[in-house]
Amino acid sequence: MSSNSQVQNQEPTEEPTKETNQEEKEAQGEEKDAAKEEVKAEEKEDKNEEPKEQKNEEKKEKKKEKKDEKKKDENKGSCKDFIYNPRTGEFLGRTASSWGLILLFYLIFYGFLAGMFSLTMWVMLQTLDENVPQHQDRLPSPGLVIRPHAIEIFYNRTNPSQYEQYIGELHDLLQHYNDSIQDGNDLCLVGEYTEQDKEPVKKVCQFKRSILRQCSGLPDTSFGYAEGQPCIIIKMNRRNTPLPMLYFPPEGRLDKMFFPYYGKKAHSEYVQPLVAVKLLLTKEDLDVEQTVECKVEGSDLRNSDDRDKYLGRVTFRVKVSQ
């Protein structure tokens, strides 16, 4: 009896443990199913979110494109409106009245400047005397000019093409000294300055081309270049040199009667006095370079200043080939 009762007592204790285990298994299975469903739901949500994000990005890009197009249209419209705005009637950003005021201002401003400039020029011109040279530099020694205009005069006397240019320069220079023109000028006192300060129209002293004799281009149209004894015309000159020369006028003197000079208007027919020098080159002098220095000599005239080699003097070289 006792044994049966114990067996009976043991069986009911085993049944509830089995039930609890089954419940736990069922609960765990339900949890796994719920977790799987959650994972599936999350995957679905992720799948749904990706196209949404793509759609949002596409929408944003479309909005940007629309904004850019609007800006372009606005810029085009603004450029057109800047040139001419039909709504406000503005041209280049200003109305007609604004443009009129600006033009009026600048017209008055530049007109005032032009008037001031004209007034100052008129005042300056009133200080000038037409009968007096505009440039009256008081130089201690006058400059020297030679013709032909060349520092080096090299040529072959048997080839006229090499010295035709020199001859042409001399003929052009002496055109104003033709005797027919100079006959209309006055005979002045030799050795005296021709002062004419009080006379409105100044007389001109004669300096005839024929005074230059062999270097006048009248008896010898080649000025001695064809024979190898060229003529050089110098203004304001007197020379001392071992090279034989002929001076025209005699001794290469420039008379005081040709000075002073009163300007182009009062002295319209004035011609500068000249000195011509004929170089008497011999056969021994041919094919040899000759250096000639011309100096101005007179009272209070400087011609040996080492700081200025062109003050009161000029140097040139001549070479005549056979």
Protein backbone atom coordinates (compact mmCIF):
# COMPACT_ATOMS: atom_id res chain seq x y z
CA MET A 1 0.00 0.00 0.00
CA SER A 2 2.65 2.24 0.90
CA SER A 3 4.60 1.67 -2.26
CA ASN A 4 1.69 2.31 -4.55
CA SER A 5 0.91 5.47 -2.77
CA GLN A 6 4.42 6.71 -3.25
CA VAL A 7 4.33 5.97 -6.99
CA GLN A 8 1.09 7.77 -7.32
CA ASN A 9 2.48 10.69 -5.45
CA GLN A 10 5.55 10.89 -7.78
CA GLU A 11 3.66 10.89 -11.13
CA PRO A 12 1.75 14.12 -10.69
CA THR A 13 5.01 16.00 -9.92
CA GLU A 14 6.53 15.06 -13.29
CA GLU A 15 3.57 16.26 -15.38
CA PRO A 16 3.76 19.98 -14.40
CA THR A 17 7.49 20.09 -15.26
CA LYS A 18 6.77 18.79 -18.71
CA GLU A 19 4.09 21.39 -19.18
CA THR A 20 6.39 24.22 -18.12
CA ASN A 21 9.05 23.07 -20.55
CA GLN A 22 6.59 23.04 -23.37
CA GLU A 23 5.41 26.51 -22.45
CA GLU A 24 8.96 27.77 -22.40
CA LYS A 25 9.63 26.25 -25.78
CA GLU A 26 6.51 27.77 -27.17
CA ALA A 27 7.45 31.16 -25.71
CA GLN A 28 10.93 30.92 -27.18
CA GLY A 29 9.49 29.96 -30.54
CA GLU A 30 7.13 32.89 -30.42
CA GLU A 31 10.04 35.22 -29.57
CA LYS A 32 12.06 33.87 -32.48
CA ASP A 33 9.09 34.32 -34.78
CA ALA A 34 8.62 37.87 -33.49
CA ALA A 35 12.30 38.61 -34.01
CA LYS A 36 12.16 37.24 -37.52
CA GLU A 37 9.09 39.30 -38.24
CA GLU A 38 10.86 42.40 -36.84
CA VAL A 39 13.89 41.72 -39.04
CA LYS A 40 11.63 41.28 -42.04
CA ALA A 41 9.79 44.47 -41.17
CA GLU A 42 13.07 46.37 -40.83
CA GLU A 43 14.26 45.02 -44.15
CA LYS A 44 11.01 46.10 -45.73
CA GLU A 45 11.34 49.52 -44.13
CA ASP A 46 14.93 49.82 -45.41
CA LYS A 47 13.80 48.81 -48.85
CA ASN A 48 11.01 51.33 -48.72
CA GLU A 49 13.30 54.09 -47.36
CA GLU A 50 15.92 53.72 -50.15
CA PRO A 51 13.57 54.64 -52.99
CA LYS A 52 12.17 57.43 -50.85
CA GLU A 53 15.66 58.90 -50.41
CA GLN A 54 16.33 58.57 -54.12
CA LYS A 55 13.08 60.29 -54.85
CA ASN A 56 13.93 63.08 -52.44
CA GLU A 57 17.35 63.55 -54.04
CA GLU A 58 15.80 63.63 -57.50
CA LYS A 59 13.29 66.20 -56.31
CA LYS A 60 16.08 68.33 -54.85
CA GLU A 61 18.08 68.15 -58.10
CA LYS A 62 15.01 69.12 -60.09
CA LYS A 63 14.41 72.04 -57.76
CA LYS A 64 18.04 73.17 -58.20
CA GLU A 65 17.75 72.92 -61.97
CA LYS A 66 14.59 74.98 -61.89
CA LYS A 67 16.27 77.58 -59.69
CA ASP A 68 19.28 77.75 -62.02
CA GLU A 69 17.00 78.19 -65.01
CA LYS A 70 15.14 80.93 -63.19
CA LYS A 71 18.42 82.66 -62.35
CA LYS A 72 19.53 82.46 -65.96
CA ASP A 73 16.23 83.90 -67.11
CA GLU A 74 16.53 86.62 -64.48
CA ASN A 75 20.09 87.44 -65.59
CA LYS A 76 19.02 87.63 -69.21
CA GLY A 77 16.14 89.79 -68.24
CA SER A 78 18.36 91.98 -66.04
CA CYS A 79 20.90 92.52 -68.89
CA LYS A 80 18.14 93.47 -71.27
CA ASP A 81 16.58 95.68 -68.65
CA PHE A 82 19.95 97.33 -67.95
CA ILE A 83 20.31 98.31 -71.60
CA TYR A 84 16.73 99.42 -71.87
CA ASN A 85 13.99 98.85 -69.33
CA PRO A 86 10.60 99.33 -70.99
CA ARG A 87 8.79 99.38 -67.63
CA THR A 88 10.77 102.33 -66.21
CA GLY A 89 12.06 103.81 -69.46
CA GLU A 90 15.68 103.62 -68.21
CA PHE A 91 18.60 103.39 -70.61
CA LEU A 92 21.83 101.95 -69.14
CA GLY A 93 20.40 102.28 -65.68
CA ARG A 94 19.41 105.95 -65.99
CA THR A 95 16.35 107.81 -67.04
CA ALA A 96 16.36 110.46 -69.72
CA SER A 97 16.27 113.28 -67.16
CA SER A 98 19.26 111.75 -65.30
CA TRP A 99 21.26 111.50 -68.52
CA GLY A 100 20.36 115.06 -69.39
CA LEU A 101 21.60 116.38 -66.04
CA ILE A 102 24.88 114.47 -66.35
CA LEU A 103 25.51 115.73 -69.89
CA LEU A 104 24.69 119.28 -68.81
CA PHE A 105 27.13 119.04 -65.91
CA TYR A 106 30.00 117.80 -68.07
CA LEU A 107 29.21 120.34 -70.76
CA ILE A 108 29.50 123.16 -68.24
CA PHE A 109 32.57 121.61 -66.59
CA TYR A 110 34.60 121.08 -69.76
CA GLY A 111 33.41 124.35 -71.19
CA PHE A 112 34.81 126.09 -68.11
CA LEU A 113 38.15 124.27 -68.51
CA ALA A 114 38.33 125.19 -72.19
CA GLY A 115 37.59 128.80 -71.35
CA MET A 116 40.34 128.89 -68.70
CA PHE A 117 42.83 127.36 -71.12
CA SER A 118 41.91 129.81 -73.88
CA LEU A 119 42.21 132.74 -71.48
CA THR A 120 45.68 131.71 -70.27
CA MET A 121 46.88 131.18 -73.84
CA TRP A 122 45.53 134.60 -74.86
CA VAL A 123 47.32 136.27 -71.93
CA MET A 124 50.59 134.52 -72.84
CA LEU A 125 50.29 135.51 -76.49
CA GLN A 126 49.87 139.15 -75.48
CA THR A 127 53.35 139.06 -73.99
CA LEU A 128 54.96 138.03 -77.29
CA ASP A 129 56.25 140.51 -79.80
CA GLU A 130 55.95 139.40 -83.41
CA ASN A 131 58.92 141.54 -84.36
CA VAL A 132 61.26 139.84 -81.90
CA PRO A 133 62.57 136.27 -82.28
CA GLN A 134 60.89 133.90 -79.85
CA HIS A 135 64.19 132.19 -78.98
CA GLN A 136 67.01 134.55 -78.05
CA ASP A 137 69.50 132.40 -76.21
CA ARG A 138 72.59 134.42 -75.35
CA LEU A 139 75.23 131.82 -76.07
CA PRO A 140 78.88 132.67 -75.39
CA SER A 141 79.82 131.17 -78.73
CA PRO A 142 77.55 130.46 -81.69
CA GLY A 143 77.33 127.00 -83.18
CA LEU A 144 78.73 126.01 -86.54
CA VAL A 145 76.97 124.31 -89.42
CA ILE A 146 78.61 122.81 -92.46
CA ARG A 147 77.23 121.85 -95.85
CA PRO A 148 77.23 119.18 -97.14
CA HIS A 149 75.62 117.96 -93.95
CA ALA A 150 78.05 115.15 -93.18
CA ILE A 151 80.77 114.56 -90.63
CA GLU A 152 82.58 112.28 -93.07
CA ILE A 153 82.82 113.30 -96.73
CA PHE A 154 84.33 110.31 -98.52
CA TYR A 155 83.96 109.84 -102.27
CA ASN A 156 85.73 108.80 -105.45
CA ARG A 157 86.11 111.73 -107.84
CA THR A 158 85.81 109.45 -110.88
CA ASN A 159 82.37 108.25 -109.71
CA PRO A 160 79.85 111.15 -109.87
CA SER A 161 77.13 109.12 -108.14
CA GLN A 162 79.18 109.25 -104.92
CA TYR A 163 79.22 113.05 -104.70
CA GLU A 164 75.98 114.07 -106.45
CA GLN A 165 74.24 114.26 -103.08
CA TYR A 166 76.84 116.72 -101.76
CA ILE A 167 76.48 118.93 -104.82
CA GLY A 168 72.68 118.89 -104.51
CA GLU A 169 72.83 120.05 -100.89
CA LEU A 170 75.07 122.98 -101.79
CA HIS A 171 72.84 124.07 -104.69
CA ASP A 172 69.74 123.90 -102.44
CA LEU A 173 71.47 125.99 -99.78
CA LEU A 174 72.57 128.73 -102.18
CA GLN A 175 69.23 129.18 -103.96
CA HIS A 176 68.28 132.00 -101.58
CA TYR A 177 71.65 133.67 -102.17
CA ASN A 178 71.21 134.09 -105.93
CA ASP A 179 72.27 137.53 -107.11
CA SER A 180 68.86 138.17 -108.67
CA ILE A 181 67.23 137.79 -105.23
CA GLN A 182 69.90 139.64 -103.27
CA ASP A 183 69.75 142.68 -105.57
CA GLY A 184 66.50 143.57 -103.84
CA ASN A 185 68.22 143.83 -100.44
CA ASP A 186 70.16 146.80 -99.08
CA LEU A 187 73.86 147.59 -99.19
CA CYS A 188 74.96 147.90 -95.58
CA LEU A 189 77.98 149.58 -94.02
CA VAL A 190 80.92 147.23 -93.77
CA GLY A 191 82.31 146.72 -90.26
CA GLU A 192 79.23 148.12 -88.46
CA TYR A 193 76.25 146.44 -86.78
CA THR A 194 73.00 147.12 -88.57
CA GLU A 195 70.90 148.30 -85.61
CA GLN A 196 67.19 148.65 -86.44
CA ASP A 197 65.45 148.43 -83.09
CA LYS A 198 63.06 151.35 -83.71
CA GLU A 199 62.14 150.46 -87.26
CA PRO A 200 59.00 148.29 -87.67
CA VAL A 201 60.23 146.70 -90.90
CA LYS A 202 63.87 145.67 -90.86
CA LYS A 203 66.07 145.92 -93.92
CA VAL A 204 68.15 142.98 -95.10
CA CYS A 205 71.79 143.26 -96.04
CA GLN A 206 72.97 141.82 -99.34
CA PHE A 207 74.92 138.58 -99.37
CA LYS A 208 75.28 137.55 -102.99
CA ARG A 209 76.13 134.05 -104.10
CA SER A 210 78.80 135.38 -106.41
CA ILE A 211 80.85 136.45 -103.38
CA LEU A 212 81.71 132.78 -102.88
CA ARG A 213 83.37 132.79 -106.34
CA GLN A 214 84.81 129.33 -107.02
CA CYS A 215 82.59 127.82 -104.34
CA SER A 216 79.40 129.54 -105.54
CA GLY A 217 78.51 126.76 -107.94
CA LEU A 218 78.33 129.27 -110.80
CA PRO A 219 81.65 128.82 -112.63
CA ASP A 220 81.90 125.19 -111.53
CA THR A 221 78.56 123.46 -110.94
CA SER A 222 80.31 120.54 -109.22
CA PHE A 223 81.77 122.84 -106.51
CA GLY A 224 85.20 121.32 -107.15
CA TYR A 225 84.15 117.76 -106.30
CA ALA A 226 84.78 116.50 -109.82
CA GLU A 227 88.39 117.71 -109.76
CA GLY A 228 89.06 116.43 -106.25
CA GLN A 229 89.11 119.90 -104.62
CA PRO A 230 85.70 120.04 -102.87
CA CYS A 231 84.08 123.15 -101.43
CA ILE A 232 82.64 123.10 -97.91
CA ILE A 233 80.29 125.90 -96.84
CA ILE A 234 80.47 126.91 -93.20
CA LYS A 235 78.56 129.41 -91.13
CA MET A 236 80.55 131.47 -88.62
CA ASN A 237 84.03 130.22 -89.35
CA ARG A 238 87.70 131.18 -89.58
CA ARG A 239 90.45 128.48 -89.92
CA ASN A 240 94.15 128.01 -89.34
CA THR A 241 95.39 124.78 -90.88
CA PRO A 242 98.41 123.59 -92.88
CA LEU A 243 96.03 122.21 -95.53
CA PRO A 244 95.91 124.73 -98.41
CA MET A 245 92.50 126.36 -98.75
CA LEU A 246 90.74 129.24 -100.42
CA TYR A 247 88.29 131.30 -98.34
CA PHE A 248 85.24 133.07 -99.72
CA PRO A 249 84.71 135.86 -98.67
CA PRO A 250 88.41 136.62 -98.23
CA GLU A 251 89.95 135.32 -95.00
CA GLY A 252 86.66 133.71 -94.09
CA ARG A 253 85.31 136.78 -92.32
CA LEU A 254 81.67 137.42 -91.51
CA ASP A 255 80.94 141.10 -91.35
CA LYS A 256 79.03 142.62 -88.45
CA MET A 257 76.63 144.35 -90.81
CA PHE A 258 74.59 141.15 -91.06
CA PHE A 259 73.73 141.30 -87.37
CA PRO A 260 71.56 141.46 -85.32
CA TYR A 261 68.71 139.28 -86.52
CA TYR A 262 65.16 140.48 -85.73
CA GLY A 263 63.02 137.43 -86.38
CA LYS A 264 61.10 135.90 -89.27
CA LYS A 265 58.37 138.53 -89.47
CA ALA A 266 60.52 141.65 -89.36
CA HIS A 267 63.37 140.00 -91.24
CA SER A 268 61.39 137.78 -93.58
CA GLU A 269 64.01 137.90 -96.37
CA TYR A 270 67.00 137.52 -94.06
CA VAL A 271 69.74 135.10 -95.12
CA GLN A 272 72.62 134.04 -92.93
CA PRO A 273 76.10 135.08 -94.02
CA LEU A 274 78.22 132.20 -95.21
CA VAL A 275 81.85 131.26 -95.61
CA ALA A 276 82.97 128.86 -98.31
CA VAL A 277 86.24 126.97 -98.19
CA LYS A 278 87.79 125.27 -101.17
CA LEU A 279 90.12 122.45 -100.18
CA LEU A 280 93.11 122.57 -102.52
CA LEU A 281 93.97 118.91 -102.36
CA THR A 282 96.98 117.74 -104.34
CA LYS A 283 97.74 114.29 -105.71
CA GLU A 284 99.56 113.50 -102.49
CA ASP A 285 96.38 114.29 -100.54
CA LEU A 286 94.22 111.86 -102.50
CA ASP A 287 93.25 108.61 -100.80
CA VAL A 288 94.25 110.23 -97.50
CA GLU A 289 91.73 111.08 -94.81
CA GLN A 290 91.91 114.79 -94.00
CA THR A 291 90.55 116.09 -90.68
CA VAL A 292 89.37 119.71 -90.74
CA GLU A 293 88.35 121.70 -87.67
CA CYS A 294 86.42 124.96 -87.98
CA LYS A 295 86.43 127.48 -85.15
CA VAL A 296 84.72 130.79 -84.47
CA GLU A 297 87.22 133.50 -83.58
CA GLY A 298 86.32 136.86 -82.16
CA SER A 299 86.10 138.86 -78.99
CA ASP A 300 84.46 137.05 -76.06
CA LEU A 301 83.97 133.88 -78.13
CA ARG A 302 85.00 130.51 -76.76
CA ASN A 303 86.12 127.70 -79.03
CA SER A 304 88.40 125.49 -76.93
CA ASP A 305 86.21 124.19 -74.10
CA ASP A 306 87.11 120.53 -73.50
CA ARG A 307 83.77 119.93 -71.76
CA ASP A 308 81.84 120.85 -74.90
CA LYS A 309 83.62 119.86 -78.11
CA TYR A 310 80.92 121.50 -80.25
CA LEU A 311 81.01 124.92 -78.61
CA GLY A 312 82.20 127.39 -81.22
CA ARG A 313 83.72 124.72 -83.45
CA VAL A 314 82.95 121.77 -85.68
CA THR A 315 85.13 118.95 -86.98
CA PHE A 316 84.66 116.88 -90.13
CA ARG A 317 86.72 114.52 -92.26
CA VAL A 318 87.28 114.50 -96.02
CA LYS A 319 88.70 111.74 -98.16
CA VAL A 320 88.90 111.95 -101.96
CA SER A 321 89.81 108.82 -103.88
CA GLN A 322 91.30 108.69 -107.35
